[in-house]
Each structure stands twice: as structure tokens, then as C-alpha cells.
Amino acid sequence: MTYEEFFSNVKEAFQDADVSHITEHLAYQFNITGEAEGVFYVEVKEGKLYVEPYDYHDRDAMFTCSAKNLMKIAKGKLDPILAVTLQKLKVEGNIEKALKLKSLIGEKKK
């Protein structure tokens, strides 16, 4: 899988997230390792979700993992906290805000 294919899949996985109730600004950078290696960010700003294929230098948290593990997390098949425990996901930055990723992924638009 290429980075472009992977990023398209990630963007699709995140598009169903309901962030309308999130009032704070959240910015996450994802560093993908191995197959489909690349960087992208997810930002929640003013109740809207943005997923873009760029570095985000003013981020709250940075996640590093393989494309395979991130897709499992995005689809709810791998708990992000368990992924950190199993060393399948590395997290740097504001841990409190990083933990909000789990609820962001779990909230689907109705």
C-alpha cells in the first residue's frame, strides 16, 4: 500500500467522527513507519475535523506507529491505550489530550 492509498483510507475512517461537541482545539500528528511511511495530522477546531497530509508543528500530541496498527485503532479493532502498552503505538506530548483521541474515534456521526 502506498502512502497516498493509506492516507485516503485514514481520512475516510476519520470522516465519520462526530466532533461537534468538542469545544477545545486538538491537534495530533501521526508519523507512520514501515509500509506507507509518511506524516499527517488530525485537527479538531471549532467543532470541525480536519485530516491533512502535512506536518503539524504546534501539535498537542504526536503518535508514531505502523499503518496497519493505526488502521486497527481507527476502526476500533485495537484500543489505543492497549497499543501503547504493547509498544505498537508511541505517544509524545500532552498525554491528557492524547487520550481524547480514543473518544474522538469512537464518536460516529448519526
N, C-alpha and C. Protein backbone atom coordinates (compact mmCIF):
# COMPACT_ATOMS: atom_id res chain seq x y z
N MET A 1 0.85 -1.18 0.00
CA MET A 1 0.00 0.00 0.00
C MET A 1 0.90 1.24 0.00
N THR A 2 0.55 2.19 -0.83
CA THR A 2 1.31 3.44 -0.87
C THR A 2 0.81 4.38 0.22
N TYR A 3 1.60 5.42 0.49
CA TYR A 3 1.18 6.43 1.46
C TYR A 3 -0.13 7.08 1.02
N GLU A 4 -0.26 7.38 -0.26
CA GLU A 4 -1.47 8.04 -0.77
C GLU A 4 -2.71 7.18 -0.54
N GLU A 5 -2.60 5.88 -0.80
CA GLU A 5 -3.72 4.97 -0.56
C GLU A 5 -4.05 4.91 0.93
N PHE A 6 -3.01 4.80 1.73
CA PHE A 6 -3.21 4.73 3.18
C PHE A 6 -3.87 5.99 3.70
N PHE A 7 -3.36 7.16 3.28
CA PHE A 7 -3.92 8.42 3.76
C PHE A 7 -5.39 8.55 3.36
N SER A 8 -5.73 8.14 2.17
CA SER A 8 -7.13 8.16 1.73
C SER A 8 -8.00 7.29 2.65
N ASN A 9 -7.49 6.12 3.02
CA ASN A 9 -8.23 5.23 3.93
C ASN A 9 -8.39 5.85 5.31
N VAL A 10 -7.33 6.49 5.80
CA VAL A 10 -7.38 7.12 7.12
C VAL A 10 -8.39 8.26 7.12
N LYS A 11 -8.34 9.09 6.09
CA LYS A 11 -9.25 10.22 6.01
C LYS A 11 -10.69 9.73 6.01
N GLU A 12 -10.95 8.65 5.28
CA GLU A 12 -12.29 8.06 5.24
C GLU A 12 -12.70 7.52 6.61
N ALA A 13 -11.76 6.88 7.31
CA ALA A 13 -12.06 6.32 8.63
C ALA A 13 -12.40 7.42 9.64
N PHE A 14 -11.74 8.56 9.54
CA PHE A 14 -11.98 9.65 10.49
C PHE A 14 -13.20 10.51 10.12
N GLN A 15 -13.64 10.47 8.87
CA GLN A 15 -14.70 11.39 8.44
C GLN A 15 -16.03 11.17 9.16
N ASP A 16 -16.23 10.00 9.73
CA ASP A 16 -17.48 9.72 10.45
C ASP A 16 -17.45 10.15 11.91
N ALA A 17 -16.33 10.67 12.36
CA ALA A 17 -16.22 11.09 13.76
C ALA A 17 -17.10 12.31 14.02
N ASP A 18 -17.85 12.28 15.09
CA ASP A 18 -18.68 13.41 15.48
C ASP A 18 -17.90 14.26 16.48
N VAL A 19 -17.43 15.40 16.02
CA VAL A 19 -16.63 16.28 16.88
C VAL A 19 -17.38 17.55 17.24
N SER A 20 -18.65 17.61 16.93
CA SER A 20 -19.43 18.82 17.16
C SER A 20 -19.49 19.21 18.63
N HIS A 21 -19.33 18.25 19.53
CA HIS A 21 -19.39 18.51 20.97
C HIS A 21 -18.03 18.91 21.56
N ILE A 22 -16.97 18.81 20.77
CA ILE A 22 -15.62 19.14 21.27
C ILE A 22 -15.39 20.63 21.10
N THR A 23 -15.24 21.31 22.22
CA THR A 23 -15.10 22.77 22.17
C THR A 23 -13.65 23.23 22.20
N GLU A 24 -12.76 22.36 22.64
CA GLU A 24 -11.36 22.75 22.69
C GLU A 24 -10.65 22.41 21.38
N HIS A 25 -9.52 23.02 21.17
CA HIS A 25 -8.70 22.75 19.99
C HIS A 25 -7.83 21.53 20.28
N LEU A 26 -7.83 20.55 19.37
CA LEU A 26 -6.99 19.36 19.49
C LEU A 26 -6.20 19.22 18.19
N ALA A 27 -4.92 18.95 18.30
CA ALA A 27 -4.09 18.76 17.11
C ALA A 27 -3.14 17.60 17.35
N TYR A 28 -3.25 16.61 16.46
CA TYR A 28 -2.43 15.41 16.57
C TYR A 28 -1.63 15.21 15.29
N GLN A 29 -0.37 14.87 15.44
CA GLN A 29 0.44 14.49 14.28
C GLN A 29 0.66 13.00 14.34
N PHE A 30 0.60 12.35 13.18
CA PHE A 30 0.82 10.91 13.07
C PHE A 30 2.04 10.67 12.19
N ASN A 31 3.00 9.96 12.72
CA ASN A 31 4.18 9.55 11.97
C ASN A 31 4.03 8.06 11.68
N ILE A 32 3.87 7.74 10.41
CA ILE A 32 3.65 6.35 10.01
C ILE A 32 4.98 5.74 9.62
N THR A 33 5.25 4.57 10.16
CA THR A 33 6.51 3.87 9.90
C THR A 33 6.26 2.65 9.03
N GLY A 34 7.30 2.17 8.38
CA GLY A 34 7.18 0.96 7.58
C GLY A 34 6.45 1.22 6.27
N GLU A 35 5.66 0.24 5.86
CA GLU A 35 4.89 0.37 4.63
C GLU A 35 3.97 1.59 4.73
N ALA A 36 3.84 2.34 3.66
CA ALA A 36 3.02 3.56 3.61
C ALA A 36 3.57 4.66 4.51
N GLU A 37 4.89 4.68 4.71
CA GLU A 37 5.53 5.66 5.57
C GLU A 37 5.19 7.08 5.15
N GLY A 38 4.90 7.92 6.14
CA GLY A 38 4.58 9.32 5.87
C GLY A 38 4.09 10.01 7.13
N VAL A 39 3.63 11.24 6.96
CA VAL A 39 3.18 12.07 8.08
C VAL A 39 1.85 12.71 7.71
N PHE A 40 0.96 12.81 8.69
CA PHE A 40 -0.28 13.58 8.50
C PHE A 40 -0.75 14.07 9.85
N TYR A 41 -1.74 14.97 9.83
CA TYR A 41 -2.28 15.45 11.09
C TYR A 41 -3.79 15.39 11.11
N VAL A 42 -4.31 15.33 12.32
CA VAL A 42 -5.75 15.38 12.58
C VAL A 42 -5.95 16.55 13.53
N GLU A 43 -6.86 17.45 13.17
CA GLU A 43 -7.11 18.63 13.99
C GLU A 43 -8.61 18.79 14.20
N VAL A 44 -8.98 19.10 15.43
CA VAL A 44 -10.36 19.46 15.75
C VAL A 44 -10.33 20.94 16.11
N LYS A 45 -11.08 21.71 15.35
CA LYS A 45 -11.07 23.15 15.53
C LYS A 45 -12.47 23.68 15.27
N GLU A 46 -13.02 24.37 16.27
CA GLU A 46 -14.35 24.98 16.16
C GLU A 46 -15.41 23.98 15.72
N GLY A 47 -15.35 22.77 16.31
CA GLY A 47 -16.36 21.75 16.04
C GLY A 47 -16.23 21.05 14.71
N LYS A 48 -15.11 21.23 14.01
CA LYS A 48 -14.89 20.57 12.72
C LYS A 48 -13.61 19.76 12.77
N LEU A 49 -13.60 18.67 12.00
CA LEU A 49 -12.45 17.77 11.95
C LEU A 49 -11.72 17.95 10.62
N TYR A 50 -10.42 18.09 10.72
CA TYR A 50 -9.57 18.22 9.54
C TYR A 50 -8.53 17.11 9.57
N VAL A 51 -8.32 16.46 8.45
CA VAL A 51 -7.28 15.44 8.30
C VAL A 51 -6.48 15.82 7.06
N GLU A 52 -5.20 16.17 7.25
CA GLU A 52 -4.39 16.68 6.15
C GLU A 52 -3.02 16.01 6.12
N PRO A 53 -2.44 15.84 4.92
CA PRO A 53 -1.16 15.14 4.78
C PRO A 53 0.07 16.03 4.97
N TYR A 54 0.16 16.67 6.14
CA TYR A 54 1.28 17.58 6.41
C TYR A 54 1.76 17.40 7.85
N ASP A 55 2.97 17.94 8.11
CA ASP A 55 3.45 18.06 9.49
C ASP A 55 2.61 19.11 10.21
N TYR A 56 2.44 18.95 11.52
CA TYR A 56 1.73 19.94 12.32
C TYR A 56 2.66 20.29 13.48
N HIS A 57 3.32 21.41 13.37
CA HIS A 57 4.37 21.75 14.33
C HIS A 57 3.84 22.22 15.69
N ASP A 58 2.64 22.75 15.74
CA ASP A 58 2.07 23.24 17.00
C ASP A 58 1.06 22.21 17.54
N ARG A 59 1.47 20.97 17.56
CA ARG A 59 0.57 19.86 17.92
C ARG A 59 0.49 19.67 19.44
N ASP A 60 -0.60 19.04 19.85
CA ASP A 60 -0.76 18.67 21.26
C ASP A 60 -0.05 17.35 21.55
N ALA A 61 -0.13 16.43 20.60
CA ALA A 61 0.47 15.11 20.78
C ALA A 61 0.92 14.56 19.44
N MET A 62 1.90 13.68 19.50
CA MET A 62 2.41 13.04 18.30
C MET A 62 2.37 11.53 18.51
N PHE A 63 1.84 10.84 17.52
CA PHE A 63 1.72 9.39 17.56
C PHE A 63 2.61 8.79 16.48
N THR A 64 3.31 7.73 16.84
CA THR A 64 4.15 7.02 15.87
C THR A 64 3.76 5.55 15.90
N CYS A 65 3.43 5.01 14.72
CA CYS A 65 3.06 3.61 14.62
C CYS A 65 3.06 3.19 13.15
N SER A 66 2.81 1.92 12.92
CA SER A 66 2.70 1.41 11.55
C SER A 66 1.32 1.74 10.99
N ALA A 67 1.21 1.72 9.68
CA ALA A 67 -0.07 1.96 9.01
C ALA A 67 -1.09 0.91 9.44
N LYS A 68 -0.66 -0.33 9.54
CA LYS A 68 -1.54 -1.43 9.92
C LYS A 68 -2.15 -1.20 11.30
N ASN A 69 -1.32 -0.82 12.27
CA ASN A 69 -1.83 -0.60 13.63
C ASN A 69 -2.73 0.62 13.71
N LEU A 70 -2.40 1.67 12.97
CA LEU A 70 -3.26 2.86 13.00
C LEU A 70 -4.64 2.55 12.42
N MET A 71 -4.70 1.77 11.36
CA MET A 71 -6.00 1.41 10.80
C MET A 71 -6.81 0.58 11.78
N LYS A 72 -6.15 -0.31 12.50
CA LYS A 72 -6.85 -1.10 13.52
C LYS A 72 -7.42 -0.17 14.60
N ILE A 73 -6.65 0.83 15.01
CA ILE A 73 -7.12 1.78 16.01
C ILE A 73 -8.29 2.59 15.47
N ALA A 74 -8.14 3.09 14.24
CA ALA A 74 -9.18 3.93 13.63
C ALA A 74 -10.49 3.16 13.44
N LYS A 75 -10.40 1.86 13.21
CA LYS A 75 -11.61 1.05 13.00
C LYS A 75 -12.14 0.46 14.31
N GLY A 76 -11.49 0.79 15.43
CA GLY A 76 -11.95 0.30 16.71
C GLY A 76 -11.56 -1.13 17.01
N LYS A 77 -10.62 -1.69 16.25
CA LYS A 77 -10.21 -3.07 16.45
C LYS A 77 -8.99 -3.19 17.37
N LEU A 78 -8.35 -2.06 17.68
CA LEU A 78 -7.23 -2.04 18.61
C LEU A 78 -7.38 -0.82 19.50
N ASP A 79 -7.46 -1.05 20.79
CA ASP A 79 -7.58 0.05 21.74
C ASP A 79 -6.27 0.83 21.77
N PRO A 80 -6.31 2.16 21.65
CA PRO A 80 -5.07 2.94 21.64
C PRO A 80 -4.25 2.79 22.92
N ILE A 81 -4.90 2.66 24.05
CA ILE A 81 -4.16 2.51 25.31
C ILE A 81 -3.45 1.15 25.34
N LEU A 82 -4.13 0.12 24.87
CA LEU A 82 -3.52 -1.20 24.77
C LEU A 82 -2.35 -1.16 23.78
N ALA A 83 -2.52 -0.44 22.68
CA ALA A 83 -1.46 -0.34 21.68
C ALA A 83 -0.20 0.29 22.27
N VAL A 84 -0.35 1.28 23.13
CA VAL A 84 0.80 1.89 23.80
C VAL A 84 1.44 0.87 24.73
N THR A 85 0.62 0.17 25.49
CA THR A 85 1.12 -0.84 26.43
C THR A 85 1.91 -1.93 25.70
N LEU A 86 1.43 -2.31 24.52
CA LEU A 86 2.08 -3.37 23.73
C LEU A 86 3.21 -2.82 22.87
N GLN A 87 3.50 -1.53 23.00
CA GLN A 87 4.54 -0.83 22.23
C GLN A 87 4.28 -0.86 20.73
N LYS A 88 3.00 -0.87 20.35
CA LYS A 88 2.62 -0.78 18.95
C LYS A 88 2.31 0.65 18.56
N LEU A 89 2.25 1.53 19.57
CA LEU A 89 1.97 2.94 19.38
C LEU A 89 2.82 3.74 20.36
N LYS A 90 3.54 4.72 19.84
CA LYS A 90 4.35 5.59 20.68
C LYS A 90 3.65 6.95 20.74
N VAL A 91 3.55 7.52 21.94
CA VAL A 91 2.87 8.79 22.13
C VAL A 91 3.82 9.78 22.79
N GLU A 92 3.89 10.99 22.23
CA GLU A 92 4.68 12.06 22.81
C GLU A 92 3.80 13.30 22.92
N GLY A 93 4.05 14.12 23.93
CA GLY A 93 3.31 15.37 24.07
C GLY A 93 2.34 15.32 25.23
N ASN A 94 1.24 16.04 25.09
CA ASN A 94 0.23 16.19 26.13
C ASN A 94 -0.60 14.90 26.23
N ILE A 95 -0.32 14.09 27.23
CA ILE A 95 -0.99 12.80 27.37
C ILE A 95 -2.49 12.96 27.60
N GLU A 96 -2.88 13.97 28.36
CA GLU A 96 -4.31 14.21 28.60
C GLU A 96 -5.06 14.42 27.28
N LYS A 97 -4.50 15.25 26.41
CA LYS A 97 -5.14 15.48 25.12
C LYS A 97 -5.00 14.27 24.20
N ALA A 98 -3.90 13.54 24.32
CA ALA A 98 -3.71 12.34 23.51
C ALA A 98 -4.79 11.30 23.83
N LEU A 99 -5.17 11.19 25.09
CA LEU A 99 -6.20 10.24 25.49
C LEU A 99 -7.56 10.56 24.87
N LYS A 100 -7.77 11.79 24.47
CA LYS A 100 -9.04 12.19 23.87
C LYS A 100 -9.19 11.62 22.46
N LEU A 101 -8.10 11.14 21.88
CA LEU A 101 -8.18 10.52 20.56
C LEU A 101 -9.12 9.32 20.59
N LYS A 102 -9.10 8.56 21.67
CA LYS A 102 -9.96 7.38 21.77
C LYS A 102 -11.44 7.76 21.67
N SER A 103 -11.84 8.82 22.36
CA SER A 103 -13.25 9.23 22.28
C SER A 103 -13.56 9.85 20.93
N LEU A 104 -12.60 10.51 20.33
CA LEU A 104 -12.80 11.12 19.02
C LEU A 104 -13.07 10.03 17.98
N ILE A 105 -12.32 8.95 18.04
CA ILE A 105 -12.50 7.85 17.10
C ILE A 105 -13.83 7.14 17.36
N GLY A 106 -14.18 7.02 18.63
CA GLY A 106 -15.39 6.28 18.99
C GLY A 106 -16.69 7.00 18.72
N GLU A 107 -16.65 8.30 18.52
CA GLU A 107 -17.86 9.09 18.29
C GLU A 107 -18.18 9.13 16.80
N LYS A 108 -19.23 8.47 16.39
CA LYS A 108 -19.64 8.46 14.98
C LYS A 108 -20.80 9.43 14.77
N LYS A 109 -20.82 10.04 13.59
CA LYS A 109 -21.93 10.93 13.23
C LYS A 109 -23.19 10.09 13.11
N LYS A 110 -24.29 10.69 13.49
CA LYS A 110 -25.56 9.98 13.42
C LYS A 110 -26.37 10.45 12.24
